[in-house]
Amino acid sequence: PEDDDDDDDDETASSSGLALSHLTGMATAVVGVLASSQERFRSAMCGDTVVVVLERGELVLVGAARGVPEAWLAKELEYAYEAIVMALTSRVQRVLRQSPGYDVGELLGS
């Protein structure tokens, strides 16, 4: 007998990929539409989904969720940004511990 479970896994992976593709498209559209705003946080409602965009320099974080307040999602993006900064800072500190004379400019994009 053939195992039909593999077909179910393929369908799930395909639908997950499609959902991610739709979310990515929606996020790209929201970022484009809200690009002219000078606010640190920008948001939009897409049906029952709230989309929040946080831009910090060259880094753009996008969060989308259903059934949560915009302020909560904005705070989650702040936490994500801080986690990214901490991870990058830890990397720079590790490099400097290993090579105190290392020019960290290239790590920082200078």
N, C-alpha and C. Protein backbone atom coordinates (compact mmCIF):
# COMPACT_ATOMS: atom_id res chain seq x y z
N PRO A 1 0.83 -1.20 0.00
CA PRO A 1 0.00 0.00 0.00
C PRO A 1 0.86 1.25 0.00
N GLU A 2 0.38 2.27 -0.74
CA GLU A 2 1.12 3.52 -0.81
C GLU A 2 0.78 4.38 0.40
N ASP A 3 1.73 5.20 0.79
CA ASP A 3 1.55 6.09 1.94
C ASP A 3 1.03 7.43 1.46
N ASP A 4 -0.23 7.75 1.75
CA ASP A 4 -0.83 9.01 1.33
C ASP A 4 -0.43 10.18 2.21
N ASP A 5 0.26 9.92 3.33
CA ASP A 5 0.66 11.00 4.23
C ASP A 5 1.60 11.98 3.53
N ASP A 6 2.44 11.47 2.61
CA ASP A 6 3.37 12.34 1.91
C ASP A 6 2.61 13.38 1.08
N ASP A 7 1.48 12.99 0.48
CA ASP A 7 0.67 13.93 -0.29
C ASP A 7 0.11 15.03 0.60
N ASP A 8 -0.33 14.66 1.82
CA ASP A 8 -0.85 15.65 2.76
C ASP A 8 0.24 16.63 3.16
N ASP A 9 1.46 16.13 3.39
CA ASP A 9 2.58 17.00 3.76
C ASP A 9 2.89 17.97 2.63
N ASP A 10 2.83 17.48 1.37
CA ASP A 10 3.09 18.35 0.22
C ASP A 10 2.04 19.44 0.13
N GLU A 11 0.77 19.10 0.37
CA GLU A 11 -0.30 20.09 0.32
C GLU A 11 -0.13 21.13 1.42
N THR A 12 0.24 20.68 2.61
CA THR A 12 0.44 21.61 3.72
C THR A 12 1.59 22.55 3.42
N ALA A 13 2.69 22.01 2.93
CA ALA A 13 3.85 22.85 2.59
C ALA A 13 3.49 23.83 1.48
N SER A 14 2.72 23.37 0.51
CA SER A 14 2.32 24.24 -0.59
C SER A 14 1.41 25.36 -0.10
N SER A 15 0.43 25.04 0.75
CA SER A 15 -0.47 26.07 1.25
C SER A 15 0.26 27.01 2.20
N SER A 16 1.22 26.52 2.96
CA SER A 16 2.02 27.38 3.84
C SER A 16 2.85 28.35 3.01
N GLY A 17 3.43 27.83 1.92
CA GLY A 17 4.21 28.68 1.03
C GLY A 17 3.35 29.74 0.38
N LEU A 18 2.14 29.36 -0.01
CA LEU A 18 1.21 30.31 -0.62
C LEU A 18 0.81 31.39 0.39
N ALA A 19 0.53 30.98 1.62
CA ALA A 19 0.16 31.94 2.66
C ALA A 19 1.31 32.91 2.92
N LEU A 20 2.54 32.40 2.97
CA LEU A 20 3.70 33.25 3.18
C LEU A 20 3.87 34.21 2.01
N SER A 21 3.64 33.72 0.81
CA SER A 21 3.73 34.56 -0.37
C SER A 21 2.71 35.70 -0.32
N HIS A 22 1.49 35.38 0.09
CA HIS A 22 0.46 36.42 0.21
C HIS A 22 0.82 37.42 1.29
N LEU A 23 1.32 36.93 2.43
CA LEU A 23 1.71 37.82 3.52
C LEU A 23 2.85 38.73 3.09
N THR A 24 3.82 38.17 2.39
CA THR A 24 4.96 38.97 1.91
C THR A 24 4.48 40.04 0.94
N GLY A 25 3.57 39.67 0.04
CA GLY A 25 3.02 40.65 -0.90
C GLY A 25 2.27 41.75 -0.18
N MET A 26 1.47 41.37 0.82
CA MET A 26 0.71 42.35 1.58
C MET A 26 1.66 43.28 2.33
N ALA A 27 2.70 42.71 2.95
CA ALA A 27 3.65 43.52 3.71
C ALA A 27 4.38 44.50 2.79
N THR A 28 4.77 44.04 1.61
CA THR A 28 5.45 44.91 0.65
C THR A 28 4.53 46.06 0.23
N ALA A 29 3.27 45.76 -0.01
CA ALA A 29 2.32 46.79 -0.40
C ALA A 29 2.12 47.80 0.72
N VAL A 30 1.97 47.31 1.96
CA VAL A 30 1.76 48.20 3.10
C VAL A 30 2.97 49.10 3.29
N VAL A 31 4.17 48.54 3.21
CA VAL A 31 5.39 49.34 3.36
C VAL A 31 5.43 50.42 2.29
N GLY A 32 5.08 50.06 1.06
CA GLY A 32 5.08 51.04 -0.03
C GLY A 32 4.07 52.15 0.18
N VAL A 33 2.87 51.79 0.59
CA VAL A 33 1.81 52.78 0.79
C VAL A 33 2.15 53.71 1.96
N LEU A 34 2.71 53.16 3.01
CA LEU A 34 2.98 53.95 4.20
C LEU A 34 4.35 54.62 4.19
N ALA A 35 5.10 54.45 3.12
CA ALA A 35 6.47 54.96 3.06
C ALA A 35 6.56 56.47 3.23
N SER A 36 5.54 57.19 2.85
CA SER A 36 5.61 58.64 2.93
C SER A 36 5.38 59.18 4.34
N SER A 37 4.91 58.34 5.25
CA SER A 37 4.64 58.78 6.61
C SER A 37 5.95 59.02 7.35
N GLN A 38 5.96 60.04 8.20
CA GLN A 38 7.15 60.34 9.00
C GLN A 38 7.10 59.68 10.38
N GLU A 39 6.04 58.96 10.67
CA GLU A 39 5.90 58.28 11.95
C GLU A 39 6.89 57.12 12.05
N ARG A 40 7.30 56.82 13.28
CA ARG A 40 8.19 55.68 13.51
C ARG A 40 7.44 54.37 13.26
N PHE A 41 6.20 54.33 13.73
CA PHE A 41 5.33 53.17 13.48
C PHE A 41 4.28 53.60 12.48
N ARG A 42 3.99 52.71 11.57
CA ARG A 42 2.89 52.93 10.64
C ARG A 42 2.05 51.67 10.67
N SER A 43 0.79 51.83 10.45
CA SER A 43 -0.07 50.65 10.50
C SER A 43 -1.21 50.78 9.50
N ALA A 44 -1.79 49.62 9.22
CA ALA A 44 -2.95 49.57 8.33
C ALA A 44 -3.77 48.36 8.71
N MET A 45 -5.06 48.43 8.41
CA MET A 45 -5.94 47.28 8.60
C MET A 45 -6.18 46.67 7.23
N CYS A 46 -6.01 45.38 7.15
CA CYS A 46 -6.29 44.61 5.93
C CYS A 46 -7.33 43.57 6.32
N GLY A 47 -8.60 43.91 6.14
CA GLY A 47 -9.66 43.03 6.62
C GLY A 47 -9.63 43.04 8.14
N ASP A 48 -9.53 41.86 8.74
CA ASP A 48 -9.45 41.78 10.20
C ASP A 48 -8.01 41.64 10.68
N THR A 49 -7.06 41.87 9.78
CA THR A 49 -5.64 41.76 10.11
C THR A 49 -5.03 43.14 10.26
N VAL A 50 -4.36 43.37 11.38
CA VAL A 50 -3.63 44.63 11.57
C VAL A 50 -2.19 44.39 11.12
N VAL A 51 -1.66 45.34 10.37
CA VAL A 51 -0.28 45.27 9.89
C VAL A 51 0.44 46.49 10.42
N VAL A 52 1.57 46.27 11.08
CA VAL A 52 2.36 47.36 11.65
C VAL A 52 3.75 47.31 11.04
N VAL A 53 4.27 48.47 10.66
CA VAL A 53 5.59 48.59 10.06
C VAL A 53 6.44 49.45 10.98
N LEU A 54 7.63 48.98 11.29
CA LEU A 54 8.61 49.75 12.07
C LEU A 54 9.86 49.88 11.23
N GLU A 55 10.24 51.10 10.93
CA GLU A 55 11.47 51.34 10.17
C GLU A 55 12.49 51.98 11.09
N ARG A 56 13.66 51.41 11.10
CA ARG A 56 14.79 51.97 11.84
C ARG A 56 15.98 51.91 10.91
N GLY A 57 16.35 53.05 10.35
CA GLY A 57 17.45 53.08 9.39
C GLY A 57 17.11 52.22 8.19
N GLU A 58 17.98 51.29 7.88
CA GLU A 58 17.78 50.41 6.73
C GLU A 58 16.96 49.17 7.08
N LEU A 59 16.66 49.00 8.34
CA LEU A 59 15.92 47.82 8.79
C LEU A 59 14.43 48.12 8.84
N VAL A 60 13.66 47.27 8.17
CA VAL A 60 12.20 47.42 8.17
C VAL A 60 11.62 46.14 8.76
N LEU A 61 10.88 46.28 9.85
CA LEU A 61 10.21 45.15 10.47
C LEU A 61 8.72 45.28 10.22
N VAL A 62 8.09 44.18 9.83
CA VAL A 62 6.66 44.17 9.56
C VAL A 62 6.02 43.08 10.40
N GLY A 63 4.96 43.43 11.09
CA GLY A 63 4.20 42.45 11.87
C GLY A 63 2.76 42.46 11.41
N ALA A 64 2.16 41.29 11.34
CA ALA A 64 0.75 41.18 10.96
C ALA A 64 0.10 40.17 11.88
N ALA A 65 -1.09 40.51 12.38
CA ALA A 65 -1.79 39.60 13.28
C ALA A 65 -3.27 39.92 13.27
N ARG A 66 -4.03 38.92 13.66
CA ARG A 66 -5.47 39.09 13.81
C ARG A 66 -5.81 39.08 15.30
N GLY A 67 -6.76 39.91 15.66
CA GLY A 67 -7.28 39.85 17.03
C GLY A 67 -6.39 40.43 18.10
N VAL A 68 -5.41 41.24 17.71
CA VAL A 68 -4.56 41.88 18.72
C VAL A 68 -4.59 43.38 18.47
N PRO A 69 -4.41 44.17 19.52
CA PRO A 69 -4.37 45.62 19.34
C PRO A 69 -3.11 46.06 18.59
N GLU A 70 -3.25 47.13 17.84
CA GLU A 70 -2.11 47.68 17.10
C GLU A 70 -0.94 47.99 18.03
N ALA A 71 -1.23 48.56 19.21
CA ALA A 71 -0.18 48.93 20.16
C ALA A 71 0.61 47.70 20.61
N TRP A 72 -0.08 46.58 20.80
CA TRP A 72 0.60 45.35 21.22
C TRP A 72 1.56 44.88 20.14
N LEU A 73 1.09 44.89 18.89
CA LEU A 73 1.93 44.45 17.77
C LEU A 73 3.12 45.39 17.59
N ALA A 74 2.89 46.69 17.76
CA ALA A 74 3.98 47.66 17.66
C ALA A 74 5.04 47.39 18.72
N LYS A 75 4.59 47.07 19.94
CA LYS A 75 5.53 46.77 21.03
C LYS A 75 6.34 45.51 20.73
N GLU A 76 5.68 44.51 20.14
CA GLU A 76 6.38 43.28 19.75
C GLU A 76 7.47 43.57 18.72
N LEU A 77 7.19 44.48 17.79
CA LEU A 77 8.21 44.86 16.80
C LEU A 77 9.37 45.57 17.47
N GLU A 78 9.07 46.41 18.47
CA GLU A 78 10.14 47.06 19.24
C GLU A 78 11.03 46.01 19.92
N TYR A 79 10.39 45.01 20.53
CA TYR A 79 11.16 43.94 21.18
C TYR A 79 12.02 43.19 20.16
N ALA A 80 11.46 42.92 19.00
CA ALA A 80 12.22 42.22 17.95
C ALA A 80 13.41 43.07 17.51
N TYR A 81 13.19 44.36 17.35
CA TYR A 81 14.28 45.26 16.96
C TYR A 81 15.39 45.25 18.01
N GLU A 82 14.99 45.36 19.27
CA GLU A 82 15.98 45.35 20.35
C GLU A 82 16.75 44.03 20.39
N ALA A 83 16.07 42.91 20.12
CA ALA A 83 16.74 41.61 20.09
C ALA A 83 17.76 41.56 18.96
N ILE A 84 17.41 42.12 17.81
CA ILE A 84 18.35 42.16 16.68
C ILE A 84 19.56 43.01 17.03
N VAL A 85 19.32 44.17 17.61
CA VAL A 85 20.43 45.05 18.00
C VAL A 85 21.34 44.35 19.01
N MET A 86 20.73 43.66 19.98
CA MET A 86 21.53 42.95 20.99
C MET A 86 22.36 41.85 20.34
N ALA A 87 21.78 41.11 19.42
CA ALA A 87 22.52 40.04 18.75
C ALA A 87 23.69 40.62 17.95
N LEU A 88 23.45 41.72 17.25
CA LEU A 88 24.54 42.34 16.48
C LEU A 88 25.60 42.91 17.39
N THR A 89 25.19 43.52 18.50
CA THR A 89 26.14 44.07 19.46
C THR A 89 26.99 42.95 20.06
N SER A 90 26.36 41.82 20.37
CA SER A 90 27.09 40.67 20.91
C SER A 90 28.13 40.18 19.91
N ARG A 91 27.78 40.17 18.64
CA ARG A 91 28.72 39.73 17.60
C ARG A 91 29.92 40.66 17.55
N VAL A 92 29.68 41.96 17.58
CA VAL A 92 30.77 42.94 17.54
C VAL A 92 31.64 42.77 18.78
N GLN A 93 31.04 42.59 19.95
CA GLN A 93 31.83 42.41 21.17
C GLN A 93 32.67 41.14 21.08
N ARG A 94 32.11 40.07 20.54
CA ARG A 94 32.85 38.82 20.40
C ARG A 94 34.06 39.00 19.48
N VAL A 95 33.87 39.70 18.37
CA VAL A 95 34.97 39.96 17.43
C VAL A 95 36.06 40.77 18.11
N LEU A 96 35.66 41.79 18.88
CA LEU A 96 36.65 42.63 19.55
C LEU A 96 37.40 41.88 20.64
N ARG A 97 36.72 40.95 21.33
CA ARG A 97 37.42 40.13 22.33
C ARG A 97 38.47 39.26 21.66
N GLN A 98 38.12 38.69 20.50
CA GLN A 98 39.03 37.79 19.80
C GLN A 98 40.17 38.57 19.12
N SER A 99 39.85 39.75 18.60
CA SER A 99 40.83 40.57 17.87
C SER A 99 40.64 42.03 18.28
N PRO A 100 41.27 42.43 19.40
CA PRO A 100 41.05 43.79 19.92
C PRO A 100 41.35 44.92 18.92
N GLY A 101 42.21 44.69 17.96
CA GLY A 101 42.57 45.74 17.01
C GLY A 101 41.72 45.72 15.74
N TYR A 102 40.72 44.86 15.69
CA TYR A 102 39.90 44.71 14.49
C TYR A 102 39.08 45.96 14.22
N ASP A 103 39.04 46.37 12.96
CA ASP A 103 38.24 47.54 12.57
C ASP A 103 36.79 47.07 12.37
N VAL A 104 35.93 47.41 13.31
CA VAL A 104 34.55 46.94 13.24
C VAL A 104 33.70 47.73 12.26
N GLY A 105 34.31 48.69 11.59
CA GLY A 105 33.57 49.49 10.61
C GLY A 105 32.86 48.66 9.57
N GLU A 106 33.52 47.60 9.09
CA GLU A 106 32.87 46.78 8.04
C GLU A 106 31.71 45.97 8.62
N LEU A 107 31.78 45.62 9.90
CA LEU A 107 30.66 44.93 10.52
C LEU A 107 29.46 45.86 10.68
N LEU A 108 29.75 47.13 10.84
CA LEU A 108 28.71 48.12 11.07
C LEU A 108 28.26 48.81 9.78
N GLY A 109 28.82 48.38 8.65
CA GLY A 109 28.41 48.94 7.38
C GLY A 109 29.09 50.24 7.02
N SER A 110 30.23 50.56 7.66
CA SER A 110 30.92 51.80 7.31
C SER A 110 32.05 51.53 6.34
